[in-house]
Amino acid sequence: MIDTQLSNSRAQAAAILKAWGSNNLALLHRNLDAAAEEALATVADTGESERLEMLGAIAGKMRLLLDSDQLYSAARYLPMLRHLAAPAVAALEYAYNC
């Protein structure tokens, strides 16, 4: 169950990045809205809950910036989305090697 939940936050972050790269604003808006909604869902795993909360905050802020035609300001959140989209294994390996 945890793997599925973890994949959900990664998949949503990856979907936002893919929509950004495609220059499809309608798809980007849909993916941002879906991520913000998902952040409101209750998740048993604390780590995934925090990832979804962060993803929701990023998605909400990006949506506000895009609605205000501040594309370049919204782009500053892309590195955080890339981090959220990265496989959890890399994050765990990093944590154990510190």
C-alpha atoms as a PDB file:
ATOM      1  CA  MET A   1       0.000   0.000   0.000  1.00  0.00           C
ATOM      2  CA  ILE A   2       2.773   2.441   0.847  1.00  0.00           C
ATOM      3  CA  ASP A   3       4.465   1.857  -2.523  1.00  0.00           C
ATOM      4  CA  THR A   4       1.215   2.724  -4.305  1.00  0.00           C
ATOM      5  CA  GLN A   5       0.775   5.875  -2.252  1.00  0.00           C
ATOM      6  CA  LEU A   6       4.375   6.903  -2.769  1.00  0.00           C
ATOM      7  CA  SER A   7       4.023   6.316  -6.481  1.00  0.00           C
ATOM      8  CA  ASN A   8       0.985   8.591  -6.452  1.00  0.00           C
ATOM      9  CA  SER A   9       2.904  11.676  -5.299  1.00  0.00           C
ATOM     10  CA  ARG A  10       5.760  10.878  -7.681  1.00  0.00           C
ATOM     11  CA  ALA A  11       3.360  10.286 -10.553  1.00  0.00           C
ATOM     12  CA  GLN A  12       1.548  13.549  -9.940  1.00  0.00           C
ATOM     13  CA  ALA A  13       4.779  15.537  -9.739  1.00  0.00           C
ATOM     14  CA  ALA A  14       5.969  13.867 -12.956  1.00  0.00           C
ATOM     15  CA  ALA A  15       2.647  14.641 -14.664  1.00  0.00           C
ATOM     16  CA  ILE A  16       3.004  18.330 -13.782  1.00  0.00           C
ATOM     17  CA  LEU A  17       6.563  18.373 -15.143  1.00  0.00           C
ATOM     18  CA  LYS A  18       5.466  16.621 -18.334  1.00  0.00           C
ATOM     19  CA  ALA A  19       2.608  19.085 -18.853  1.00  0.00           C
ATOM     20  CA  TRP A  20       5.005  21.978 -18.247  1.00  0.00           C
ATOM     21  CA  GLY A  21       7.384  20.630 -20.866  1.00  0.00           C
ATOM     22  CA  SER A  22       4.586  20.146 -23.384  1.00  0.00           C
ATOM     23  CA  ASN A  23       3.480  23.799 -23.155  1.00  0.00           C
ATOM     24  CA  ASN A  24      -0.102  22.543 -22.824  1.00  0.00           C
ATOM     25  CA  LEU A  25      -1.523  25.033 -20.320  1.00  0.00           C
ATOM     26  CA  ALA A  26      -4.907  23.313 -20.072  1.00  0.00           C
ATOM     27  CA  LEU A  27      -3.225  20.028 -19.148  1.00  0.00           C
ATOM     28  CA  LEU A  28      -0.890  21.827 -16.753  1.00  0.00           C
ATOM     29  CA  HIS A  29      -3.852  23.486 -15.002  1.00  0.00           C
ATOM     30  CA  ARG A  30      -5.656  20.125 -14.711  1.00  0.00           C
ATOM     31  CA  ASN A  31      -2.589  18.435 -13.254  1.00  0.00           C
ATOM     32  CA  LEU A  32      -1.976  21.271 -10.803  1.00  0.00           C
ATOM     33  CA  ASP A  33      -5.615  21.146  -9.677  1.00  0.00           C
ATOM     34  CA  ALA A  34      -5.484  17.364  -9.266  1.00  0.00           C
ATOM     35  CA  ALA A  35      -2.326  17.598  -7.165  1.00  0.00           C
ATOM     36  CA  ALA A  36      -3.818  20.302  -4.950  1.00  0.00           C
ATOM     37  CA  GLU A  37      -6.934  18.170  -4.419  1.00  0.00           C
ATOM     38  CA  GLU A  38      -4.898  15.056  -3.650  1.00  0.00           C
ATOM     39  CA  ALA A  39      -3.029  16.952  -0.951  1.00  0.00           C
ATOM     40  CA  LEU A  40      -6.297  17.181   0.979  1.00  0.00           C
ATOM     41  CA  ALA A  41      -6.694  13.393   1.075  1.00  0.00           C
ATOM     42  CA  THR A  42      -5.872  11.533   4.264  1.00  0.00           C
ATOM     43  CA  VAL A  43      -2.889   9.219   3.894  1.00  0.00           C
ATOM     44  CA  ALA A  44      -1.785   6.791   6.592  1.00  0.00           C
ATOM     45  CA  ASP A  45       1.928   7.017   5.749  1.00  0.00           C
ATOM     46  CA  THR A  46       3.416  10.167   7.302  1.00  0.00           C
ATOM     47  CA  GLY A  47       6.185  10.487   4.710  1.00  0.00           C
ATOM     48  CA  GLU A  48       3.754  10.310   1.817  1.00  0.00           C
ATOM     49  CA  SER A  49       1.379  12.648   3.607  1.00  0.00           C
ATOM     50  CA  GLU A  50       4.167  15.233   3.840  1.00  0.00           C
ATOM     51  CA  ARG A  51       5.070  14.730   0.173  1.00  0.00           C
ATOM     52  CA  LEU A  52       1.437  15.245  -0.852  1.00  0.00           C
ATOM     53  CA  GLU A  53       1.149  18.325   1.360  1.00  0.00           C
ATOM     54  CA  MET A  54       4.262  19.833  -0.235  1.00  0.00           C
ATOM     55  CA  LEU A  55       3.038  18.895  -3.706  1.00  0.00           C
ATOM     56  CA  GLY A  56      -0.327  20.520  -2.991  1.00  0.00           C
ATOM     57  CA  ALA A  57       1.311  23.728  -1.798  1.00  0.00           C
ATOM     58  CA  ILE A  58       3.569  23.867  -4.847  1.00  0.00           C
ATOM     59  CA  ALA A  59       0.664  23.149  -7.197  1.00  0.00           C
ATOM     60  CA  GLY A  60      -1.504  25.817  -5.591  1.00  0.00           C
ATOM     61  CA  LYS A  61       1.219  28.450  -5.780  1.00  0.00           C
ATOM     62  CA  MET A  62       2.077  27.570  -9.373  1.00  0.00           C
ATOM     63  CA  ARG A  63      -1.594  27.787 -10.343  1.00  0.00           C
ATOM     64  CA  LEU A  64      -1.879  31.266  -8.810  1.00  0.00           C
ATOM     65  CA  LEU A  65       1.253  32.424 -10.600  1.00  0.00           C
ATOM     66  CA  LEU A  66       0.120  31.000 -13.935  1.00  0.00           C
ATOM     67  CA  ASP A  67      -3.292  32.624 -13.527  1.00  0.00           C
ATOM     68  CA  SER A  68      -1.438  35.925 -13.062  1.00  0.00           C
ATOM     69  CA  ASP A  69       0.669  35.319 -16.206  1.00  0.00           C
ATOM     70  CA  GLN A  70       3.834  34.925 -14.107  1.00  0.00           C
ATOM     71  CA  LEU A  71       5.265  31.961 -15.986  1.00  0.00           C
ATOM     72  CA  TYR A  72       8.872  32.647 -15.018  1.00  0.00           C
ATOM     73  CA  SER A  73       7.971  32.903 -11.338  1.00  0.00           C
ATOM     74  CA  ALA A  74       6.116  29.590 -11.550  1.00  0.00           C
ATOM     75  CA  ALA A  75       9.200  27.991 -13.097  1.00  0.00           C
ATOM     76  CA  ARG A  76      11.152  28.403  -9.861  1.00  0.00           C
ATOM     77  CA  TYR A  77       9.122  25.497  -8.423  1.00  0.00           C
ATOM     78  CA  LEU A  78      10.302  23.043 -11.091  1.00  0.00           C
ATOM     79  CA  PRO A  79      13.364  21.840  -9.109  1.00  0.00           C
ATOM     80  CA  MET A  80      11.136  20.931  -6.163  1.00  0.00           C
ATOM     81  CA  LEU A  81       8.792  19.053  -8.480  1.00  0.00           C
ATOM     82  CA  ARG A  82      11.758  17.180  -9.938  1.00  0.00           C
ATOM     83  CA  HIS A  83      12.752  16.201  -6.412  1.00  0.00           C
ATOM     84  CA  LEU A  84       9.241  14.950  -5.645  1.00  0.00           C
ATOM     85  CA  ALA A  85       9.138  13.049  -8.927  1.00  0.00           C
ATOM     86  CA  ALA A  86      12.434  11.274  -8.188  1.00  0.00           C
ATOM     87  CA  PRO A  87      12.279   7.660  -7.033  1.00  0.00           C
ATOM     88  CA  ALA A  88      12.109   7.243  -3.271  1.00  0.00           C
ATOM     89  CA  VAL A  89      14.936   4.712  -3.384  1.00  0.00           C
ATOM     90  CA  ALA A  90      17.425   7.459  -4.198  1.00  0.00           C
ATOM     91  CA  ALA A  91      16.187   9.501  -1.239  1.00  0.00           C
ATOM     92  CA  LEU A  92      16.460   6.508   1.085  1.00  0.00           C
ATOM     93  CA  GLU A  93      19.956   5.693  -0.119  1.00  0.00           C
ATOM     94  CA  TYR A  94      20.965   9.272   0.526  1.00  0.00           C
ATOM     95  CA  ALA A  95      19.475   9.197   4.037  1.00  0.00           C
ATOM     96  CA  TYR A  96      21.291   5.983   4.935  1.00  0.00           C
ATOM     97  CA  ASN A  97      24.617   7.259   3.595  1.00  0.00           C
ATOM     98  CA  CYS A  98      24.565  10.487   5.598  1.00  0.00           C
END
